[in-house]
Amino acid sequence: MATARYQPSLSLVTGASSGIGAAFARALAARGSDLVLVARREDRLRALASELEAAHGIRCLVVPLDLSLPRPGAALLGELREHLDARLPDLVVNNAGFGIQGQVVATDPDRLAQEVAVDVAAVVDLCRTFVEPMIARGSGVVLNIASTAAYQPVPGMAVYAASKAFVKLFTEALWHEARPHGVTVFAVSPGAVASEFFAEGRRISAPTPYWDPSRIADAGLRALDRGLKNGHGNGHGRGPRGGIRVPPEVMPGFANRAAAFSTRFVPRRVMLHFGAKLAGSR
């Protein structure tokens, strides 16, 4: 029996210039998907696009865009209309984001507002933009990158941890809303990842080893592969209520899952102290 494999025709990846976003782009290109690559750094996007087009014979649309600006979804739709004849993605990977380390009161308020805009508002806006046409056609996938930081408050990274808690809960609710219409929405919640994620270039004191970004992309796509393989009803990986059978959240790594599960039993004030140590705060 052939192994089920999720193979979108067109995928949109935000934060594609490095880290997890670039890893998703490479993994999807290897599966034959055309790509819309979104990030601020146009030079990196074009270098990645050239690499993937040459290696896999796919087509890449490069969209340099600051996702902290209002309504980025409308801007992306405009690019798709202009360059791809309004072709819409089968998969949207909401990966763009960054974290600021430091006390809230010691951080530039404009930078905090930008962090909320990218990590929260852009996720909501892109989901609102692309889930509606997915529902209209009865298929599509949105994968939002959350984090194990969503499971506890993190003094010293207060906005980032809270933003990922938002992404986690928002995604779970949207999973439920979209599922009856054949659309799959889920979150991937990695632990520490070796990337350029932190704005200041520092790293947190992670309790588990840093993962290569390619492992996160692999985990997300394998979840979709399993959803296709294990589906019931029509035999094409779609559950009785539609959509590929993927849980609302996928968390790679047993140690990460164990740590997240343990937060249910640890007093919140203890978690505050743990979170502060994690971020290097006092």
Protein backbone atom coordinates (compact mmCIF):
# COMPACT_ATOMS: atom_id res chain seq x y z
CA MET A 1 0.00 0.00 0.00
CA ALA A 2 1.44 3.40 -0.98
CA THR A 3 2.31 5.76 1.85
CA ALA A 4 -0.03 8.75 2.05
CA ARG A 5 1.79 12.00 1.39
CA TYR A 6 0.44 15.51 1.64
CA GLN A 7 1.31 17.37 -1.56
CA PRO A 8 -0.18 20.87 -1.90
CA SER A 9 -0.09 22.57 -5.28
CA LEU A 10 0.66 26.04 -3.87
CA SER A 11 1.90 26.90 -0.39
CA LEU A 12 2.32 30.31 1.23
CA VAL A 13 5.00 30.56 3.93
CA THR A 14 5.59 33.64 6.06
CA GLY A 15 8.93 34.29 7.71
CA ALA A 16 10.46 32.27 4.89
CA SER A 17 13.84 33.98 4.80
CA SER A 18 15.37 31.84 7.55
CA GLY A 19 14.77 29.31 10.31
CA ILE A 20 11.53 27.34 10.45
CA GLY A 21 10.02 29.24 7.52
CA ALA A 22 12.92 28.42 5.20
CA ALA A 23 12.80 24.81 6.39
CA PHE A 24 9.11 24.56 5.51
CA ALA A 25 9.82 26.11 2.11
CA ARG A 26 12.52 23.53 1.38
CA ALA A 27 10.40 20.62 2.58
CA LEU A 28 7.38 21.73 0.56
CA ALA A 29 9.46 22.34 -2.57
CA ALA A 30 10.78 18.79 -2.23
CA ARG A 31 7.14 17.64 -2.32
CA GLY A 32 6.57 19.53 -5.58
CA SER A 33 4.66 22.52 -4.20
CA ASP A 34 4.92 25.93 -5.81
CA LEU A 35 5.63 28.58 -3.19
CA VAL A 36 4.76 32.10 -2.13
CA LEU A 37 7.67 33.22 0.04
CA VAL A 38 6.93 36.10 2.40
CA ALA A 39 9.37 38.02 4.63
CA ARG A 40 11.00 41.43 4.90
CA ARG A 41 14.44 40.46 3.56
CA GLU A 42 14.00 40.33 -0.20
CA ASP A 43 17.59 39.32 -0.94
CA ARG A 44 17.30 36.17 1.16
CA LEU A 45 13.92 35.30 -0.31
CA ARG A 46 15.25 35.59 -3.86
CA ALA A 47 18.29 33.46 -3.04
CA LEU A 48 16.03 30.78 -1.53
CA ALA A 49 13.63 30.97 -4.48
CA SER A 50 16.48 30.49 -6.96
CA GLU A 51 17.78 27.53 -4.98
CA LEU A 52 14.41 25.79 -4.81
CA GLU A 53 13.39 26.47 -8.40
CA ALA A 54 16.69 25.01 -9.64
CA ALA A 55 16.56 22.00 -7.34
CA HIS A 56 12.91 21.03 -7.70
CA GLY A 57 11.55 22.67 -10.86
CA ILE A 58 8.87 24.54 -8.96
CA ARG A 59 7.74 28.16 -9.23
CA CYS A 60 8.32 30.68 -6.44
CA LEU A 61 6.69 34.06 -5.96
CA VAL A 62 8.76 36.32 -3.73
CA VAL A 63 6.77 38.85 -1.69
CA PRO A 64 8.86 41.21 0.47
CA LEU A 65 6.38 42.38 3.09
CA ASP A 66 6.47 43.81 6.61
CA LEU A 67 3.78 41.85 8.43
CA SER A 68 3.63 44.42 11.22
CA LEU A 69 1.76 46.74 8.86
CA PRO A 70 -2.07 46.73 9.05
CA ARG A 71 -4.02 44.14 7.04
CA PRO A 72 -1.14 42.15 5.50
CA GLY A 73 -3.63 39.61 4.16
CA ALA A 74 -5.10 42.12 1.73
CA ALA A 75 -1.60 42.97 0.50
CA LEU A 76 -0.85 39.29 -0.11
CA LEU A 77 -4.12 38.78 -1.98
CA GLY A 78 -3.16 41.69 -4.21
CA GLU A 79 0.18 40.03 -4.99
CA LEU A 80 -1.55 36.74 -5.82
CA ARG A 81 -4.00 38.50 -8.14
CA GLU A 82 -1.24 40.38 -9.92
CA HIS A 83 1.33 37.62 -10.30
CA LEU A 84 -0.56 34.30 -10.09
CA ASP A 85 -3.92 35.15 -11.70
CA ALA A 86 -5.58 35.10 -8.27
CA ARG A 87 -4.43 31.51 -7.64
CA LEU A 88 -4.93 30.79 -3.94
CA PRO A 89 -2.75 28.62 -1.69
CA ASP A 90 -3.74 25.12 -0.58
CA LEU A 91 -1.54 25.57 2.49
CA VAL A 92 -0.71 28.66 4.54
CA VAL A 93 2.14 28.42 7.06
CA ASN A 94 1.91 31.30 9.52
CA ASN A 95 5.46 31.19 10.80
CA ALA A 96 6.64 34.82 10.90
CA GLY A 97 7.35 36.09 14.37
CA PHE A 98 10.03 37.31 16.74
CA GLY A 99 10.67 37.53 20.45
CA ILE A 100 12.00 40.41 22.53
CA GLN A 101 13.92 39.52 25.67
CA GLY A 102 13.82 41.99 28.53
CA GLN A 103 11.53 43.63 31.04
CA VAL A 104 8.38 45.14 29.58
CA VAL A 105 9.01 48.56 31.14
CA ALA A 106 12.56 48.60 29.75
CA THR A 107 11.51 47.86 26.17
CA ASP A 108 10.75 50.40 23.45
CA PRO A 109 6.93 50.54 23.23
CA ASP A 110 7.09 50.72 19.44
CA ARG A 111 9.00 47.42 19.40
CA LEU A 112 6.41 45.84 21.70
CA ALA A 113 3.63 47.02 19.40
CA GLN A 114 5.49 45.57 16.43
CA GLU A 115 5.90 42.25 18.25
CA VAL A 116 2.15 42.06 18.91
CA ALA A 117 1.40 43.06 15.31
CA VAL A 118 3.57 40.32 13.82
CA ASP A 119 3.03 37.54 16.37
CA VAL A 120 -0.71 38.06 16.92
CA ALA A 121 -2.48 40.48 14.59
CA ALA A 122 -0.88 39.18 11.39
CA VAL A 123 -1.78 35.59 12.28
CA VAL A 124 -5.42 36.55 12.78
CA ASP A 125 -5.53 38.63 9.61
CA LEU A 126 -3.96 35.97 7.39
CA CYS A 127 -6.28 33.31 8.81
CA ARG A 128 -9.28 35.57 8.16
CA THR A 129 -8.02 36.26 4.64
CA PHE A 130 -7.32 32.71 3.51
CA VAL A 131 -9.66 30.48 5.52
CA GLU A 132 -12.74 32.05 3.93
CA PRO A 133 -11.84 31.03 0.33
CA MET A 134 -10.70 27.63 1.62
CA ILE A 135 -14.14 27.11 3.15
CA ALA A 136 -15.75 28.21 -0.11
CA ARG A 137 -13.93 25.50 -2.05
CA GLY A 138 -14.19 22.92 0.74
CA SER A 139 -10.48 22.25 1.29
CA GLY A 140 -7.27 23.80 2.53
CA VAL A 141 -4.80 23.79 5.42
CA VAL A 142 -3.54 26.53 7.73
CA LEU A 143 -0.57 25.69 9.95
CA ASN A 144 0.20 28.24 12.67
CA ILE A 145 3.51 28.13 14.53
CA ALA A 146 2.93 28.37 18.28
CA SER A 147 5.44 27.36 20.98
CA THR A 148 5.88 25.45 24.21
CA ALA A 149 6.21 28.95 25.72
CA ALA A 150 2.42 29.13 25.40
CA TYR A 151 2.08 26.90 28.47
CA GLN A 152 3.39 29.28 31.12
CA PRO A 153 4.00 32.98 31.75
CA VAL A 154 7.60 33.94 30.98
CA PRO A 155 8.88 37.06 32.79
CA GLY A 156 11.54 38.58 30.60
CA MET A 157 9.68 37.42 27.48
CA ALA A 158 6.20 38.38 28.63
CA VAL A 159 4.77 39.52 25.29
CA TYR A 160 6.19 36.60 23.33
CA ALA A 161 4.87 33.90 25.67
CA ALA A 162 1.46 35.58 25.86
CA SER A 163 1.34 35.92 22.07
CA LYS A 164 2.00 32.20 21.64
CA ALA A 165 -0.70 31.38 24.18
CA PHE A 166 -3.02 33.48 22.04
CA VAL A 167 -1.95 31.67 18.85
CA LYS A 168 -2.51 28.29 20.51
CA LEU A 169 -6.02 29.08 21.76
CA PHE A 170 -7.02 30.98 18.61
CA THR A 171 -5.90 28.06 16.46
CA GLU A 172 -7.80 25.52 18.54
CA ALA A 173 -11.00 27.54 18.18
CA LEU A 174 -10.48 28.02 14.44
CA TRP A 175 -9.76 24.27 14.09
CA HIS A 176 -13.28 23.66 15.42
CA GLU A 177 -14.91 26.35 13.25
CA ALA A 178 -13.24 25.31 10.00
CA ARG A 179 -13.36 21.53 10.37
CA PRO A 180 -17.00 21.01 9.27
CA HIS A 181 -16.18 22.80 6.00
CA GLY A 182 -13.32 20.53 4.95
CA VAL A 183 -10.59 22.95 6.10
CA THR A 184 -7.82 21.92 8.49
CA VAL A 185 -6.31 24.45 10.90
CA PHE A 186 -3.72 23.37 13.43
CA ALA A 187 -0.73 24.61 15.42
CA VAL A 188 2.78 23.25 15.64
CA SER A 189 4.34 24.06 19.01
CA PRO A 190 8.11 23.57 19.01
CA GLY A 191 10.44 23.97 21.94
CA ALA A 192 13.79 25.70 21.50
CA VAL A 193 14.90 25.93 17.87
CA ALA A 194 18.30 26.92 16.47
CA SER A 195 17.30 29.96 14.41
CA GLU A 196 17.55 33.75 14.11
CA PHE A 197 14.29 34.09 16.00
CA PHE A 198 15.25 36.37 18.87
CA ALA A 199 15.49 40.00 17.94
CA GLU A 200 18.63 40.52 20.03
CA GLY A 201 20.32 37.33 18.83
CA ARG A 202 20.40 35.77 22.32
CA ARG A 203 19.18 32.33 23.35
CA ILE A 204 17.01 31.17 26.21
CA SER A 205 18.13 28.65 28.84
CA ALA A 206 16.10 25.82 27.30
CA PRO A 207 15.52 22.64 29.35
CA THR A 208 15.79 20.56 26.16
CA PRO A 209 18.35 20.65 23.30
CA TYR A 210 17.86 23.13 20.48
CA TRP A 211 16.24 21.50 17.46
CA ASP A 212 17.20 22.06 13.85
CA PRO A 213 14.37 23.92 12.04
CA SER A 214 14.06 21.11 9.50
CA ARG A 215 12.77 18.82 12.25
CA ILE A 216 9.91 21.21 12.96
CA ALA A 217 8.90 21.37 9.30
CA ASP A 218 9.11 17.59 9.09
CA ALA A 219 6.89 17.21 12.15
CA GLY A 220 4.21 19.49 10.71
CA LEU A 221 4.14 17.79 7.32
CA ARG A 222 4.26 14.30 8.79
CA ALA A 223 1.18 15.19 10.86
CA LEU A 224 -0.61 15.94 7.59
CA ASP A 225 0.68 12.69 6.08
CA ARG A 226 -0.72 10.76 9.04
CA GLY A 227 -3.99 12.64 8.72
CA LEU A 228 -4.34 11.47 5.14
CA LYS A 229 -3.35 7.89 6.00
CA ASN A 230 -5.62 7.55 9.03
CA GLY A 231 -8.67 9.30 7.63
CA HIS A 232 -12.07 7.68 7.60
CA GLY A 233 -15.26 8.27 5.70
CA ASN A 234 -14.34 8.86 2.07
CA GLY A 235 -10.95 7.10 2.16
CA HIS A 236 -8.98 10.25 1.32
CA GLY A 237 -7.85 11.19 4.81
CA ARG A 238 -10.91 13.27 5.57
CA GLY A 239 -12.84 12.73 8.73
CA PRO A 240 -16.61 12.51 9.04
CA ARG A 241 -16.80 16.29 9.45
CA GLY A 242 -14.31 17.05 6.70
CA GLY A 243 -10.71 18.22 6.59
CA ILE A 244 -7.53 16.21 6.99
CA ARG A 245 -7.55 14.44 10.35
CA VAL A 246 -4.97 16.42 12.31
CA PRO A 247 -5.34 17.38 16.00
CA PRO A 248 -5.55 21.06 16.90
CA GLU A 249 -1.94 21.04 18.13
CA VAL A 250 1.16 19.05 17.19
CA MET A 251 4.09 19.24 19.60
CA PRO A 252 7.30 17.59 18.38
CA GLY A 253 9.43 15.80 20.99
CA PHE A 254 8.47 13.67 23.98
CA ALA A 255 10.35 15.92 26.41
CA ASN A 256 8.46 18.97 25.16
CA ARG A 257 5.12 17.18 25.47
CA ALA A 258 5.97 15.99 28.99
CA ALA A 259 7.02 19.47 30.07
CA ALA A 260 3.86 21.03 28.64
CA PHE A 261 1.67 18.39 30.29
CA SER A 262 3.35 18.94 33.66
CA THR A 263 2.24 22.58 33.72
CA ARG A 264 -1.27 21.34 34.56
CA PHE A 265 -0.07 20.24 37.99
CA VAL A 266 2.52 22.87 38.93
CA PRO A 267 1.33 25.97 40.84
CA ARG A 268 1.30 29.09 38.70
CA ARG A 269 3.71 30.95 40.97
CA VAL A 270 6.21 28.12 40.62
CA MET A 271 5.81 28.32 36.86
CA LEU A 272 6.52 32.05 37.05
CA HIS A 273 9.88 31.39 38.66
CA PHE A 274 10.65 28.67 36.12
CA GLY A 275 9.67 30.93 33.24
CA ALA A 276 11.87 33.74 34.55
CA LYS A 277 14.88 31.42 34.69
CA LEU A 278 14.09 30.18 31.20
CA ALA A 279 14.29 33.70 29.80
CA GLY A 280 17.29 34.71 31.90
CA SER A 281 15.16 37.17 33.86
CA ARG A 282 15.29 37.76 37.62
